[in-house]
Amino acid sequence: MTSAMTRALAALPHGPEFRFLDRLRELEPGRRGVGEYRVRGDEPFLRGHFPGEPLMPGVLLLEAAAQLAGVVAQSDPTRPPLPGLKLTAVRQAKITGTARPGQVLTVTAEVVGRLEKLVQARVTLSVGSATVLVAELTLAGDPGAA
């Protein structure tokens, strides 16, 4: 991982217990990125989702996608980072699978539009060759920030 990728991932504001990106494989700053998350099996949410048949919840697949979209957007060298960037809308989401302990999620995000404090992204998650999620996301910066 390059130093630019390390810095971009380090800028993710989430604490370690709520980070769903372990590493970046690719980063075109401000445009596109590919990251990975390995489902370890010891994550607390797996105990209840589902006992004896642990699966990564679909909402956390979306969270992984939003985290990568934010990393990509905030790494744009032509724009200052947006304070308080958060997921604000999900469109056209299709969850067609999930990830189990021991599997690696590949997360891809492409920024497809920006307007002031809004970022539009297309995201795809896969496990191996199987696509498990596709969606369009909107992220928004804090409207009160300068």
N, C-alpha and C. Protein backbone atom coordinates (compact mmCIF):
# COMPACT_ATOMS: atom_id res chain seq x y z
N MET A 1 0.86 -1.17 0.00
CA MET A 1 0.00 0.00 0.00
C MET A 1 0.91 1.23 0.00
N THR A 2 0.62 2.18 -0.87
CA THR A 2 1.43 3.39 -0.95
C THR A 2 1.16 4.30 0.25
N SER A 3 2.03 5.28 0.43
CA SER A 3 1.82 6.20 1.56
C SER A 3 0.53 7.01 1.38
N ALA A 4 0.17 7.34 0.14
CA ALA A 4 -1.09 8.06 -0.11
C ALA A 4 -2.28 7.19 0.32
N MET A 5 -2.22 5.90 0.04
CA MET A 5 -3.30 4.99 0.44
C MET A 5 -3.36 4.87 1.96
N THR A 6 -2.20 4.77 2.58
CA THR A 6 -2.15 4.66 4.04
C THR A 6 -2.75 5.90 4.69
N ARG A 7 -2.39 7.09 4.17
CA ARG A 7 -2.95 8.34 4.71
C ARG A 7 -4.46 8.41 4.49
N ALA A 8 -4.91 8.01 3.30
CA ALA A 8 -6.34 8.06 2.99
C ALA A 8 -7.13 7.15 3.93
N LEU A 9 -6.63 5.96 4.17
CA LEU A 9 -7.32 5.02 5.06
C LEU A 9 -7.25 5.50 6.51
N ALA A 10 -6.13 6.09 6.90
CA ALA A 10 -5.97 6.60 8.27
C ALA A 10 -6.93 7.76 8.55
N ALA A 11 -7.36 8.47 7.51
CA ALA A 11 -8.28 9.60 7.69
C ALA A 11 -9.72 9.15 7.96
N LEU A 12 -10.01 7.87 7.81
CA LEU A 12 -11.35 7.35 8.09
C LEU A 12 -11.67 7.61 9.56
N PRO A 13 -12.78 8.30 9.86
CA PRO A 13 -13.04 8.72 11.24
C PRO A 13 -13.56 7.63 12.17
N HIS A 14 -13.88 6.47 11.65
CA HIS A 14 -14.49 5.40 12.46
C HIS A 14 -13.46 4.76 13.39
N GLY A 15 -13.94 4.35 14.55
CA GLY A 15 -13.09 3.61 15.49
C GLY A 15 -12.85 2.20 14.97
N PRO A 16 -11.83 1.54 15.52
CA PRO A 16 -11.47 0.21 15.03
C PRO A 16 -12.62 -0.80 15.08
N GLU A 17 -13.50 -0.71 16.08
CA GLU A 17 -14.60 -1.67 16.18
C GLU A 17 -15.70 -1.44 15.16
N PHE A 18 -15.62 -0.34 14.42
CA PHE A 18 -16.63 -0.08 13.38
C PHE A 18 -15.98 0.27 12.06
N ARG A 19 -14.82 -0.27 11.80
CA ARG A 19 -14.15 -0.10 10.51
C ARG A 19 -14.34 -1.36 9.69
N PHE A 20 -14.81 -1.18 8.48
CA PHE A 20 -15.03 -2.32 7.61
C PHE A 20 -14.15 -2.25 6.37
N LEU A 21 -12.98 -1.66 6.54
CA LEU A 21 -11.93 -1.64 5.52
C LEU A 21 -10.62 -1.97 6.23
N ASP A 22 -9.98 -3.05 5.81
CA ASP A 22 -8.68 -3.41 6.38
C ASP A 22 -7.54 -2.80 5.59
N ARG A 23 -7.74 -2.70 4.29
CA ARG A 23 -6.68 -2.14 3.45
C ARG A 23 -7.25 -1.65 2.13
N LEU A 24 -6.50 -0.76 1.51
CA LEU A 24 -6.82 -0.30 0.15
C LEU A 24 -5.93 -1.04 -0.82
N ARG A 25 -6.51 -1.57 -1.88
CA ARG A 25 -5.72 -2.19 -2.94
C ARG A 25 -5.42 -1.21 -4.05
N GLU A 26 -6.37 -0.31 -4.30
CA GLU A 26 -6.22 0.69 -5.37
C GLU A 26 -6.83 1.99 -4.89
N LEU A 27 -6.25 3.10 -5.35
CA LEU A 27 -6.83 4.41 -5.06
C LEU A 27 -6.47 5.37 -6.18
N GLU A 28 -7.50 5.86 -6.86
CA GLU A 28 -7.36 6.99 -7.76
C GLU A 28 -7.99 8.14 -6.99
N PRO A 29 -7.18 8.98 -6.34
CA PRO A 29 -7.71 9.98 -5.42
C PRO A 29 -8.86 10.81 -6.00
N GLY A 30 -9.95 10.82 -5.24
CA GLY A 30 -11.12 11.58 -5.65
C GLY A 30 -11.98 10.92 -6.70
N ARG A 31 -11.54 9.78 -7.24
CA ARG A 31 -12.28 9.15 -8.34
C ARG A 31 -12.76 7.74 -8.03
N ARG A 32 -11.83 6.88 -7.61
CA ARG A 32 -12.17 5.46 -7.51
C ARG A 32 -11.24 4.77 -6.53
N GLY A 33 -11.75 3.72 -5.90
CA GLY A 33 -10.91 2.94 -5.00
C GLY A 33 -11.40 1.52 -4.87
N VAL A 34 -10.49 0.65 -4.46
CA VAL A 34 -10.81 -0.75 -4.17
C VAL A 34 -10.20 -1.07 -2.81
N GLY A 35 -11.02 -1.60 -1.93
CA GLY A 35 -10.56 -1.97 -0.60
C GLY A 35 -10.97 -3.38 -0.25
N GLU A 36 -10.48 -3.84 0.90
CA GLU A 36 -10.81 -5.18 1.36
C GLU A 36 -11.14 -5.17 2.85
N TYR A 37 -12.02 -6.09 3.21
CA TYR A 37 -12.33 -6.35 4.60
C TYR A 37 -12.45 -7.85 4.78
N ARG A 38 -11.65 -8.39 5.69
CA ARG A 38 -11.73 -9.82 5.99
C ARG A 38 -12.65 -10.00 7.19
N VAL A 39 -13.68 -10.80 7.02
CA VAL A 39 -14.59 -11.12 8.11
C VAL A 39 -13.84 -12.11 9.01
N ARG A 40 -13.44 -11.63 10.18
CA ARG A 40 -12.59 -12.42 11.06
C ARG A 40 -13.35 -13.56 11.74
N GLY A 41 -14.59 -13.29 12.10
CA GLY A 41 -15.37 -14.28 12.81
C GLY A 41 -15.58 -13.94 14.27
N ASP A 42 -14.77 -13.00 14.81
CA ASP A 42 -14.92 -12.61 16.21
C ASP A 42 -15.69 -11.30 16.38
N GLU A 43 -16.19 -10.75 15.29
CA GLU A 43 -16.96 -9.50 15.38
C GLU A 43 -18.23 -9.74 16.21
N PRO A 44 -18.53 -8.83 17.16
CA PRO A 44 -19.69 -9.04 18.04
C PRO A 44 -21.01 -9.24 17.30
N PHE A 45 -21.20 -8.55 16.17
CA PHE A 45 -22.48 -8.67 15.46
C PHE A 45 -22.73 -10.08 14.94
N LEU A 46 -21.68 -10.86 14.73
CA LEU A 46 -21.86 -12.21 14.19
C LEU A 46 -22.49 -13.17 15.21
N ARG A 47 -22.35 -12.86 16.50
CA ARG A 47 -22.93 -13.75 17.53
C ARG A 47 -24.46 -13.82 17.39
N GLY A 48 -25.06 -12.72 16.98
CA GLY A 48 -26.52 -12.72 16.87
C GLY A 48 -27.03 -12.76 15.44
N HIS A 49 -26.15 -12.77 14.47
CA HIS A 49 -26.57 -12.71 13.05
C HIS A 49 -25.85 -13.79 12.26
N PHE A 50 -26.15 -14.93 12.32
CA PHE A 50 -27.17 -15.65 13.08
C PHE A 50 -26.47 -16.73 13.90
N PRO A 51 -26.94 -17.04 15.11
CA PRO A 51 -26.28 -18.06 15.92
C PRO A 51 -26.14 -19.38 15.15
N GLY A 52 -24.91 -19.87 15.07
CA GLY A 52 -24.65 -21.11 14.35
C GLY A 52 -24.49 -20.95 12.85
N GLU A 53 -24.86 -19.81 12.31
CA GLU A 53 -24.78 -19.54 10.86
C GLU A 53 -24.40 -18.07 10.67
N PRO A 54 -23.20 -17.65 11.11
CA PRO A 54 -22.85 -16.23 11.09
C PRO A 54 -22.73 -15.66 9.67
N LEU A 55 -23.39 -14.51 9.49
CA LEU A 55 -23.39 -13.80 8.21
C LEU A 55 -23.18 -12.32 8.48
N MET A 56 -22.44 -11.65 7.64
CA MET A 56 -22.29 -10.20 7.76
C MET A 56 -23.61 -9.55 7.34
N PRO A 57 -24.21 -8.74 8.20
CA PRO A 57 -25.49 -8.11 7.87
C PRO A 57 -25.40 -7.19 6.64
N GLY A 58 -26.47 -7.14 5.88
CA GLY A 58 -26.52 -6.29 4.69
C GLY A 58 -26.27 -4.83 4.99
N VAL A 59 -26.76 -4.35 6.13
CA VAL A 59 -26.53 -2.93 6.46
C VAL A 59 -25.05 -2.66 6.68
N LEU A 60 -24.31 -3.65 7.14
CA LEU A 60 -22.87 -3.46 7.34
C LEU A 60 -22.11 -3.59 6.01
N LEU A 61 -22.67 -4.32 5.07
CA LEU A 61 -22.11 -4.30 3.71
C LEU A 61 -22.22 -2.88 3.15
N LEU A 62 -23.39 -2.27 3.34
CA LEU A 62 -23.58 -0.88 2.90
C LEU A 62 -22.62 0.06 3.62
N GLU A 63 -22.41 -0.17 4.91
CA GLU A 63 -21.48 0.67 5.68
C GLU A 63 -20.06 0.56 5.13
N ALA A 64 -19.63 -0.66 4.80
CA ALA A 64 -18.30 -0.85 4.21
C ALA A 64 -18.18 -0.06 2.92
N ALA A 65 -19.22 -0.10 2.11
CA ALA A 65 -19.23 0.64 0.85
C ALA A 65 -19.17 2.14 1.09
N ALA A 66 -19.94 2.62 2.06
CA ALA A 66 -19.95 4.06 2.37
C ALA A 66 -18.59 4.51 2.90
N GLN A 67 -17.96 3.66 3.71
CA GLN A 67 -16.63 4.02 4.23
C GLN A 67 -15.64 4.18 3.08
N LEU A 68 -15.65 3.25 2.13
CA LEU A 68 -14.72 3.39 1.00
C LEU A 68 -15.07 4.59 0.14
N ALA A 69 -16.35 4.82 -0.11
CA ALA A 69 -16.75 6.00 -0.90
C ALA A 69 -16.25 7.28 -0.23
N GLY A 70 -16.35 7.33 1.10
CA GLY A 70 -15.84 8.49 1.83
C GLY A 70 -14.34 8.64 1.72
N VAL A 71 -13.61 7.54 1.83
CA VAL A 71 -12.15 7.58 1.67
C VAL A 71 -11.78 8.12 0.30
N VAL A 72 -12.45 7.63 -0.73
CA VAL A 72 -12.16 8.08 -2.10
C VAL A 72 -12.47 9.57 -2.23
N ALA A 73 -13.65 9.99 -1.78
CA ALA A 73 -14.06 11.40 -1.91
C ALA A 73 -13.11 12.32 -1.14
N GLN A 74 -12.74 11.93 0.07
CA GLN A 74 -11.91 12.79 0.91
C GLN A 74 -10.45 12.84 0.45
N SER A 75 -10.06 11.94 -0.45
CA SER A 75 -8.68 11.92 -0.94
C SER A 75 -8.48 12.79 -2.18
N ASP A 76 -9.54 13.46 -2.63
CA ASP A 76 -9.46 14.28 -3.84
C ASP A 76 -8.46 15.42 -3.64
N PRO A 77 -7.39 15.45 -4.43
CA PRO A 77 -6.38 16.50 -4.24
C PRO A 77 -6.84 17.88 -4.70
N THR A 78 -7.94 17.96 -5.42
CA THR A 78 -8.42 19.25 -5.93
C THR A 78 -9.47 19.90 -5.04
N ARG A 79 -9.87 19.21 -3.97
CA ARG A 79 -10.92 19.73 -3.09
C ARG A 79 -10.52 19.51 -1.63
N PRO A 80 -10.88 20.45 -0.77
CA PRO A 80 -10.63 20.21 0.65
C PRO A 80 -11.57 19.13 1.16
N PRO A 81 -11.15 18.37 2.18
CA PRO A 81 -12.05 17.36 2.75
C PRO A 81 -13.33 18.00 3.28
N LEU A 82 -14.42 17.27 3.18
CA LEU A 82 -15.71 17.75 3.68
C LEU A 82 -15.86 17.38 5.15
N PRO A 83 -15.99 18.37 6.03
CA PRO A 83 -16.17 18.06 7.46
C PRO A 83 -17.46 17.28 7.69
N GLY A 84 -17.38 16.27 8.56
CA GLY A 84 -18.58 15.53 8.96
C GLY A 84 -19.22 14.72 7.86
N LEU A 85 -18.44 14.24 6.88
CA LEU A 85 -19.01 13.48 5.76
C LEU A 85 -19.67 12.20 6.27
N LYS A 86 -20.95 12.01 5.90
CA LYS A 86 -21.72 10.86 6.35
C LYS A 86 -22.61 10.34 5.24
N LEU A 87 -22.98 9.07 5.35
CA LEU A 87 -23.93 8.46 4.44
C LEU A 87 -25.31 9.08 4.67
N THR A 88 -25.94 9.56 3.59
CA THR A 88 -27.25 10.19 3.74
C THR A 88 -28.34 9.58 2.86
N ALA A 89 -27.96 8.80 1.85
CA ALA A 89 -28.98 8.18 1.00
C ALA A 89 -28.43 6.93 0.33
N VAL A 90 -29.32 5.97 0.16
CA VAL A 90 -29.00 4.72 -0.53
C VAL A 90 -30.07 4.53 -1.60
N ARG A 91 -29.64 4.30 -2.82
CA ARG A 91 -30.57 4.07 -3.93
C ARG A 91 -30.16 2.82 -4.70
N GLN A 92 -31.12 2.21 -5.30
CA GLN A 92 -30.88 1.08 -6.20
C GLN A 92 -30.04 -0.02 -5.55
N ALA A 93 -30.18 -0.20 -4.24
CA ALA A 93 -29.39 -1.22 -3.55
C ALA A 93 -29.95 -2.61 -3.83
N LYS A 94 -29.05 -3.50 -4.17
CA LYS A 94 -29.41 -4.91 -4.35
C LYS A 94 -28.40 -5.72 -3.57
N ILE A 95 -28.89 -6.44 -2.57
CA ILE A 95 -28.04 -7.31 -1.78
C ILE A 95 -28.33 -8.73 -2.25
N THR A 96 -27.35 -9.33 -2.89
CA THR A 96 -27.53 -10.64 -3.50
C THR A 96 -26.74 -11.74 -2.81
N GLY A 97 -26.06 -11.38 -1.73
CA GLY A 97 -25.27 -12.36 -0.99
C GLY A 97 -24.71 -11.71 0.25
N THR A 98 -23.74 -12.35 0.86
CA THR A 98 -23.13 -11.83 2.07
C THR A 98 -21.73 -12.40 2.20
N ALA A 99 -21.11 -12.13 3.33
CA ALA A 99 -19.79 -12.68 3.62
C ALA A 99 -19.86 -13.42 4.95
N ARG A 100 -19.10 -14.49 5.02
CA ARG A 100 -19.04 -15.32 6.22
C ARG A 100 -17.64 -15.24 6.82
N PRO A 101 -17.50 -15.66 8.06
CA PRO A 101 -16.17 -15.65 8.67
C PRO A 101 -15.14 -16.35 7.79
N GLY A 102 -13.98 -15.70 7.68
CA GLY A 102 -12.89 -16.22 6.86
C GLY A 102 -12.90 -15.70 5.44
N GLN A 103 -14.01 -15.13 5.00
CA GLN A 103 -14.08 -14.62 3.64
C GLN A 103 -13.62 -13.17 3.57
N VAL A 104 -13.11 -12.79 2.40
CA VAL A 104 -12.65 -11.42 2.17
C VAL A 104 -13.64 -10.72 1.25
N LEU A 105 -14.14 -9.57 1.73
CA LEU A 105 -15.01 -8.71 0.91
C LEU A 105 -14.13 -7.78 0.10
N THR A 106 -14.37 -7.71 -1.17
CA THR A 106 -13.72 -6.71 -2.01
C THR A 106 -14.75 -5.61 -2.25
N VAL A 107 -14.36 -4.39 -1.89
CA VAL A 107 -15.26 -3.25 -1.96
C VAL A 107 -14.72 -2.30 -3.02
N THR A 108 -15.58 -1.90 -3.96
CA THR A 108 -15.19 -0.95 -5.01
C THR A 108 -16.13 0.24 -4.94
N ALA A 109 -15.57 1.43 -5.00
CA ALA A 109 -16.39 2.66 -4.99
C ALA A 109 -15.87 3.61 -6.05
N GLU A 110 -16.79 4.20 -6.79
CA GLU A 110 -16.45 5.19 -7.81
C GLU A 110 -17.29 6.44 -7.56
N VAL A 111 -16.62 7.56 -7.38
CA VAL A 111 -17.33 8.83 -7.24
C VAL A 111 -17.82 9.23 -8.63
N VAL A 112 -19.13 9.40 -8.77
CA VAL A 112 -19.71 9.70 -10.08
C VAL A 112 -20.27 11.12 -10.16
N GLY A 113 -20.29 11.82 -9.03
CA GLY A 113 -20.77 13.20 -9.06
C GLY A 113 -20.51 13.89 -7.74
N ARG A 114 -20.33 15.21 -7.84
CA ARG A 114 -20.16 16.05 -6.64
C ARG A 114 -20.88 17.35 -6.87
N LEU A 115 -21.52 17.84 -5.83
CA LEU A 115 -22.19 19.13 -5.88
C LEU A 115 -22.07 19.73 -4.49
N GLU A 116 -21.27 20.76 -4.37
CA GLU A 116 -21.00 21.41 -3.09
C GLU A 116 -20.63 20.38 -2.03
N LYS A 117 -21.52 20.14 -1.06
CA LYS A 117 -21.19 19.23 0.04
C LYS A 117 -21.77 17.82 -0.15
N LEU A 118 -22.17 17.49 -1.38
CA LEU A 118 -22.73 16.17 -1.68
C LEU A 118 -21.78 15.38 -2.57
N VAL A 119 -21.73 14.08 -2.32
CA VAL A 119 -20.91 13.17 -3.12
C VAL A 119 -21.81 12.01 -3.53
N GLN A 120 -21.84 11.70 -4.81
CA GLN A 120 -22.57 10.54 -5.34
C GLN A 120 -21.54 9.47 -5.67
N ALA A 121 -21.83 8.22 -5.31
CA ALA A 121 -20.91 7.13 -5.60
C ALA A 121 -21.67 5.88 -6.01
N ARG A 122 -21.05 5.11 -6.89
CA ARG A 122 -21.53 3.76 -7.24
C ARG A 122 -20.62 2.78 -6.54
N VAL A 123 -21.21 1.78 -5.92
CA VAL A 123 -20.42 0.82 -5.14
C VAL A 123 -20.79 -0.60 -5.51
N THR A 124 -19.81 -1.47 -5.38
CA THR A 124 -19.99 -2.90 -5.60
C THR A 124 -19.17 -3.64 -4.56
N LEU A 125 -19.74 -4.68 -3.99
CA LEU A 125 -19.02 -5.55 -3.08
C LEU A 125 -19.08 -6.96 -3.62
N SER A 126 -17.98 -7.67 -3.47
CA SER A 126 -17.94 -9.05 -3.94
C SER A 126 -17.14 -9.91 -2.97
N VAL A 127 -17.44 -11.19 -3.01
CA VAL A 127 -16.68 -12.22 -2.31
C VAL A 127 -16.23 -13.19 -3.39
N GLY A 128 -14.92 -13.25 -3.62
CA GLY A 128 -14.43 -14.03 -4.75
C GLY A 128 -14.99 -13.43 -6.02
N SER A 129 -15.58 -14.28 -6.86
CA SER A 129 -16.14 -13.79 -8.12
C SER A 129 -17.63 -13.46 -8.01
N ALA A 130 -18.21 -13.65 -6.83
CA ALA A 130 -19.64 -13.41 -6.65
C ALA A 130 -19.91 -12.00 -6.14
N THR A 131 -20.74 -11.25 -6.87
CA THR A 131 -21.18 -9.93 -6.42
C THR A 131 -22.21 -10.13 -5.32
N VAL A 132 -22.02 -9.42 -4.20
CA VAL A 132 -22.96 -9.56 -3.08
C VAL A 132 -23.76 -8.29 -2.84
N LEU A 133 -23.32 -7.15 -3.41
CA LEU A 133 -24.07 -5.90 -3.24
C LEU A 133 -23.70 -4.93 -4.35
N VAL A 134 -24.70 -4.23 -4.86
CA VAL A 134 -24.49 -3.07 -5.73
C VAL A 134 -25.43 -1.98 -5.24
N ALA A 135 -24.99 -0.74 -5.30
CA ALA A 135 -25.83 0.36 -4.82
C ALA A 135 -25.29 1.68 -5.32
N GLU A 136 -26.13 2.69 -5.22
CA GLU A 136 -25.72 4.08 -5.43
C GLU A 136 -25.89 4.77 -4.08
N LEU A 137 -24.85 5.49 -3.65
CA LEU A 137 -24.86 6.14 -2.35
C LEU A 137 -24.69 7.64 -2.50
N THR A 138 -25.26 8.36 -1.55
CA THR A 138 -25.01 9.79 -1.43
C THR A 138 -24.39 10.02 -0.06
N LEU A 139 -23.30 10.74 -0.04
CA LEU A 139 -22.65 11.17 1.20
C LEU A 139 -22.78 12.68 1.25
N ALA A 140 -22.92 13.21 2.45
CA ALA A 140 -23.04 14.66 2.59
C ALA A 140 -22.14 15.15 3.72
N GLY A 141 -21.50 16.28 3.47
CA GLY A 141 -20.72 16.94 4.50
C GLY A 141 -21.63 17.74 5.41
N ASP A 142 -21.12 18.12 6.55
CA ASP A 142 -21.87 18.89 7.55
C ASP A 142 -22.34 20.20 6.93
N PRO A 143 -23.64 20.44 6.83
CA PRO A 143 -24.13 21.67 6.20
C PRO A 143 -23.74 22.94 6.95
N GLY A 144 -23.43 22.82 8.25
CA GLY A 144 -23.07 24.00 9.02
C GLY A 144 -21.60 24.36 8.95
N ALA A 145 -20.79 23.48 8.37
CA ALA A 145 -19.35 23.73 8.30
C ALA A 145 -19.04 24.67 7.14
N ALA A 146 -18.02 25.48 7.34
CA ALA A 146 -17.64 26.45 6.30
C ALA A 146 -17.04 25.80 5.10
